[in-house]
Amino acid sequence: MESEEPRIECRLEELGKIQLVRVYNSRDENYPLIKNNRPQYVVVSEERYQELIEAEEEAYTARIKSSLEDVRAGRVRKFKSADELLKAIDKEAAG
């Protein structure tokens, strides 16, 4: 069975100073909003939005778990002040 090629249709609409470019694609529904010839926003379907939110939450959880593993493994150093931290960073950068 052959996979269907995406059908893409673009339509430009002037809305004041904002150009709305609608891209219809059989695989994805993304609608970029263009202002001054540059993409400013992308309107997505509710389903895609939920997928993005879930992915962000999973990434957040993974970062927290990784940070906790670093603390447990002793890969975290504490500094008494920001100045002390900056000195340590400079020292490491100098080699």
N, C-alpha and C. Protein backbone atom coordinates (compact mmCIF):
# COMPACT_ATOMS: atom_id res chain seq x y z
N MET A 1 0.83 -1.17 0.00
CA MET A 1 0.00 0.00 0.00
C MET A 1 0.88 1.24 0.00
N GLU A 2 0.68 2.11 -0.95
CA GLU A 2 1.48 3.31 -1.06
C GLU A 2 1.00 4.35 -0.06
N SER A 3 1.97 5.09 0.51
CA SER A 3 1.57 6.16 1.44
C SER A 3 1.16 7.38 0.63
N GLU A 4 0.15 8.02 1.13
CA GLU A 4 -0.38 9.20 0.46
C GLU A 4 0.56 10.37 0.66
N GLU A 5 0.90 11.06 -0.43
CA GLU A 5 1.72 12.25 -0.34
C GLU A 5 0.91 13.36 0.31
N PRO A 6 1.56 14.19 1.12
CA PRO A 6 0.80 15.27 1.74
C PRO A 6 0.29 16.26 0.71
N ARG A 7 -0.93 16.68 0.90
CA ARG A 7 -1.52 17.70 0.02
C ARG A 7 -1.34 19.03 0.72
N ILE A 8 -0.68 19.93 0.05
CA ILE A 8 -0.42 21.23 0.65
C ILE A 8 -1.07 22.31 -0.20
N GLU A 9 -1.83 23.13 0.47
CA GLU A 9 -2.49 24.25 -0.20
C GLU A 9 -2.25 25.48 0.67
N CYS A 10 -1.75 26.53 0.08
CA CYS A 10 -1.50 27.75 0.83
C CYS A 10 -2.44 28.85 0.34
N ARG A 11 -2.92 29.64 1.29
CA ARG A 11 -3.77 30.76 0.93
C ARG A 11 -3.36 31.94 1.81
N LEU A 12 -3.13 33.07 1.21
CA LEU A 12 -2.70 34.26 1.93
C LEU A 12 -3.88 35.19 2.11
N GLU A 13 -4.11 35.61 3.34
CA GLU A 13 -5.18 36.54 3.64
C GLU A 13 -4.60 37.73 4.39
N GLU A 14 -4.98 38.91 4.01
CA GLU A 14 -4.53 40.11 4.70
C GLU A 14 -5.51 40.43 5.83
N LEU A 15 -5.02 40.53 7.04
CA LEU A 15 -5.83 40.89 8.20
C LEU A 15 -5.16 42.10 8.84
N GLY A 16 -5.49 43.27 8.38
CA GLY A 16 -4.80 44.46 8.87
C GLY A 16 -3.36 44.40 8.43
N LYS A 17 -2.44 44.41 9.38
CA LYS A 17 -1.01 44.32 9.06
C LYS A 17 -0.48 42.90 9.21
N ILE A 18 -1.36 41.96 9.54
CA ILE A 18 -0.93 40.57 9.72
C ILE A 18 -1.36 39.75 8.51
N GLN A 19 -0.44 38.96 8.01
CA GLN A 19 -0.76 38.05 6.91
C GLN A 19 -1.00 36.68 7.50
N LEU A 20 -2.10 36.08 7.16
CA LEU A 20 -2.41 34.74 7.61
C LEU A 20 -2.17 33.79 6.45
N VAL A 21 -1.23 32.88 6.64
CA VAL A 21 -0.96 31.87 5.62
C VAL A 21 -1.52 30.56 6.14
N ARG A 22 -2.49 30.05 5.47
CA ARG A 22 -3.07 28.77 5.89
C ARG A 22 -2.43 27.66 5.07
N VAL A 23 -1.90 26.69 5.76
CA VAL A 23 -1.28 25.54 5.10
C VAL A 23 -2.13 24.32 5.45
N TYR A 24 -2.71 23.73 4.44
CA TYR A 24 -3.52 22.55 4.64
C TYR A 24 -2.70 21.35 4.21
N ASN A 25 -2.49 20.45 5.11
CA ASN A 25 -1.64 19.30 4.86
C ASN A 25 -2.38 18.09 5.39
N SER A 26 -2.42 17.02 4.63
CA SER A 26 -3.18 15.85 5.05
C SER A 26 -2.57 15.18 6.28
N ARG A 27 -1.31 15.48 6.61
CA ARG A 27 -0.67 14.85 7.77
C ARG A 27 -0.60 15.76 8.99
N ASP A 28 -0.67 17.04 8.78
CA ASP A 28 -0.48 17.96 9.90
C ASP A 28 -1.30 19.21 9.66
N GLU A 29 -1.73 19.84 10.72
CA GLU A 29 -2.49 21.07 10.60
C GLU A 29 -1.78 22.16 11.39
N ASN A 30 -0.90 22.89 10.74
CA ASN A 30 -0.22 24.02 11.34
C ASN A 30 -0.55 25.25 10.52
N TYR A 31 -0.85 26.33 11.22
CA TYR A 31 -1.22 27.56 10.55
C TYR A 31 -0.30 28.68 11.02
N PRO A 32 0.76 28.98 10.27
CA PRO A 32 1.65 30.06 10.69
C PRO A 32 1.01 31.42 10.48
N LEU A 33 1.21 32.32 11.43
CA LEU A 33 0.78 33.70 11.29
C LEU A 33 2.04 34.52 11.03
N ILE A 34 2.03 35.25 9.94
CA ILE A 34 3.21 35.96 9.50
C ILE A 34 2.98 37.46 9.61
N LYS A 35 3.95 38.14 10.21
CA LYS A 35 3.90 39.59 10.33
C LYS A 35 5.26 40.11 9.88
N ASN A 36 5.25 41.12 9.00
CA ASN A 36 6.49 41.68 8.46
C ASN A 36 7.35 40.59 7.81
N ASN A 37 6.69 39.70 7.09
CA ASN A 37 7.35 38.61 6.35
C ASN A 37 8.11 37.63 7.24
N ARG A 38 7.75 37.55 8.52
CA ARG A 38 8.39 36.61 9.44
C ARG A 38 7.32 35.88 10.23
N PRO A 39 7.48 34.57 10.42
CA PRO A 39 6.52 33.84 11.24
C PRO A 39 6.53 34.37 12.67
N GLN A 40 5.36 34.66 13.22
CA GLN A 40 5.25 35.17 14.58
C GLN A 40 4.61 34.15 15.51
N TYR A 41 3.62 33.43 15.03
CA TYR A 41 2.89 32.45 15.82
C TYR A 41 2.53 31.29 14.92
N VAL A 42 2.18 30.16 15.55
CA VAL A 42 1.66 29.02 14.81
C VAL A 42 0.41 28.54 15.52
N VAL A 43 -0.68 28.45 14.80
CA VAL A 43 -1.92 27.93 15.35
C VAL A 43 -1.94 26.43 15.03
N VAL A 44 -2.18 25.63 16.07
CA VAL A 44 -2.20 24.18 15.89
C VAL A 44 -3.54 23.62 16.37
N SER A 45 -3.81 22.41 15.98
CA SER A 45 -5.05 21.75 16.40
C SER A 45 -4.99 21.46 17.90
N GLU A 46 -6.15 21.25 18.52
CA GLU A 46 -6.21 20.91 19.94
C GLU A 46 -5.44 19.62 20.22
N GLU A 47 -5.56 18.65 19.33
CA GLU A 47 -4.86 17.37 19.51
C GLU A 47 -3.35 17.59 19.53
N ARG A 48 -2.83 18.37 18.59
CA ARG A 48 -1.39 18.64 18.53
C ARG A 48 -0.94 19.44 19.74
N TYR A 49 -1.77 20.38 20.19
CA TYR A 49 -1.45 21.17 21.38
C TYR A 49 -1.30 20.25 22.59
N GLN A 50 -2.22 19.32 22.76
CA GLN A 50 -2.14 18.39 23.89
C GLN A 50 -0.89 17.53 23.81
N GLU A 51 -0.52 17.11 22.59
CA GLU A 51 0.71 16.33 22.41
C GLU A 51 1.93 17.15 22.85
N LEU A 52 1.96 18.43 22.49
CA LEU A 52 3.07 19.30 22.88
C LEU A 52 3.13 19.49 24.39
N ILE A 53 1.98 19.67 25.02
CA ILE A 53 1.93 19.84 26.48
C ILE A 53 2.43 18.57 27.16
N GLU A 54 1.99 17.41 26.71
CA GLU A 54 2.43 16.15 27.30
C GLU A 54 3.93 15.96 27.14
N ALA A 55 4.46 16.29 25.97
CA ALA A 55 5.90 16.17 25.73
C ALA A 55 6.69 17.10 26.65
N GLU A 56 6.17 18.32 26.86
CA GLU A 56 6.84 19.28 27.74
C GLU A 56 6.83 18.76 29.17
N GLU A 57 5.72 18.20 29.61
CA GLU A 57 5.63 17.66 30.97
C GLU A 57 6.58 16.47 31.16
N GLU A 58 6.69 15.62 30.15
CA GLU A 58 7.61 14.49 30.23
C GLU A 58 9.05 14.97 30.30
N ALA A 59 9.39 15.99 29.51
CA ALA A 59 10.75 16.53 29.52
C ALA A 59 11.05 17.17 30.88
N TYR A 60 10.08 17.88 31.45
CA TYR A 60 10.25 18.49 32.76
C TYR A 60 10.53 17.43 33.82
N THR A 61 9.74 16.38 33.81
CA THR A 61 9.92 15.29 34.77
C THR A 61 11.29 14.64 34.60
N ALA A 62 11.72 14.44 33.37
CA ALA A 62 13.03 13.84 33.12
C ALA A 62 14.16 14.74 33.64
N ARG A 63 14.02 16.07 33.47
CA ARG A 63 15.04 16.99 33.99
C ARG A 63 15.11 16.94 35.51
N ILE A 64 13.95 16.89 36.16
CA ILE A 64 13.92 16.81 37.63
C ILE A 64 14.57 15.52 38.11
N LYS A 65 14.23 14.40 37.48
CA LYS A 65 14.82 13.11 37.87
C LYS A 65 16.33 13.13 37.68
N SER A 66 16.78 13.70 36.57
CA SER A 66 18.22 13.78 36.31
C SER A 66 18.92 14.64 37.36
N SER A 67 18.30 15.75 37.72
CA SER A 67 18.87 16.62 38.74
C SER A 67 18.96 15.91 40.09
N LEU A 68 17.92 15.19 40.45
CA LEU A 68 17.93 14.45 41.71
C LEU A 68 19.01 13.36 41.71
N GLU A 69 19.21 12.72 40.57
CA GLU A 69 20.28 11.72 40.45
C GLU A 69 21.64 12.37 40.63
N ASP A 70 21.82 13.58 40.08
CA ASP A 70 23.08 14.30 40.26
C ASP A 70 23.32 14.61 41.73
N VAL A 71 22.28 15.02 42.45
CA VAL A 71 22.42 15.32 43.88
C VAL A 71 22.81 14.05 44.64
N ARG A 72 22.10 12.95 44.38
CA ARG A 72 22.38 11.69 45.08
C ARG A 72 23.79 11.18 44.80
N ALA A 73 24.28 11.40 43.57
CA ALA A 73 25.60 10.91 43.17
C ALA A 73 26.72 11.86 43.58
N GLY A 74 26.38 12.98 44.20
CA GLY A 74 27.41 13.91 44.64
C GLY A 74 28.00 14.77 43.53
N ARG A 75 27.27 14.93 42.44
CA ARG A 75 27.77 15.73 41.32
C ARG A 75 27.32 17.19 41.41
N VAL A 76 26.88 17.59 42.59
CA VAL A 76 26.39 18.95 42.79
C VAL A 76 27.26 19.61 43.86
N ARG A 77 27.69 20.84 43.59
CA ARG A 77 28.46 21.59 44.58
C ARG A 77 27.62 22.76 45.07
N LYS A 78 27.81 23.10 46.33
CA LYS A 78 27.09 24.23 46.91
C LYS A 78 28.07 25.38 47.12
N PHE A 79 27.56 26.59 46.93
CA PHE A 79 28.36 27.80 47.12
C PHE A 79 27.62 28.72 48.08
N LYS A 80 28.39 29.45 48.87
CA LYS A 80 27.79 30.34 49.87
C LYS A 80 27.23 31.61 49.24
N SER A 81 27.75 31.98 48.07
CA SER A 81 27.30 33.22 47.44
C SER A 81 27.45 33.11 45.93
N ALA A 82 26.79 34.02 45.24
CA ALA A 82 26.91 34.08 43.77
C ALA A 82 28.34 34.42 43.38
N ASP A 83 28.98 35.29 44.18
CA ASP A 83 30.36 35.67 43.89
C ASP A 83 31.28 34.45 43.97
N GLU A 84 31.08 33.60 44.97
CA GLU A 84 31.87 32.38 45.10
C GLU A 84 31.65 31.45 43.90
N LEU A 85 30.42 31.35 43.45
CA LEU A 85 30.10 30.54 42.28
C LEU A 85 30.80 31.09 41.04
N LEU A 86 30.73 32.38 40.83
CA LEU A 86 31.37 32.99 39.66
C LEU A 86 32.88 32.80 39.69
N LYS A 87 33.50 32.88 40.84
CA LYS A 87 34.94 32.64 40.96
C LYS A 87 35.27 31.20 40.58
N ALA A 88 34.46 30.25 41.02
CA ALA A 88 34.68 28.84 40.69
C ALA A 88 34.53 28.61 39.19
N ILE A 89 33.56 29.27 38.57
CA ILE A 89 33.38 29.13 37.13
C ILE A 89 34.59 29.69 36.39
N ASP A 90 35.05 30.87 36.80
CA ASP A 90 36.24 31.47 36.17
C ASP A 90 37.45 30.58 36.33
N LYS A 91 37.61 29.99 37.51
CA LYS A 91 38.75 29.10 37.77
C LYS A 91 38.71 27.87 36.86
N GLU A 92 37.52 27.29 36.70
CA GLU A 92 37.39 26.11 35.83
C GLU A 92 37.64 26.50 34.38
N ALA A 93 37.17 27.68 33.95
CA ALA A 93 37.36 28.11 32.57
C ALA A 93 38.84 28.37 32.26
N ALA A 94 39.58 28.83 33.27
CA ALA A 94 41.00 29.12 33.08
C ALA A 94 41.81 27.83 32.97
N GLY A 95 41.24 26.74 33.43
CA GLY A 95 41.91 25.45 33.27
C GLY A 95 42.63 25.04 34.46
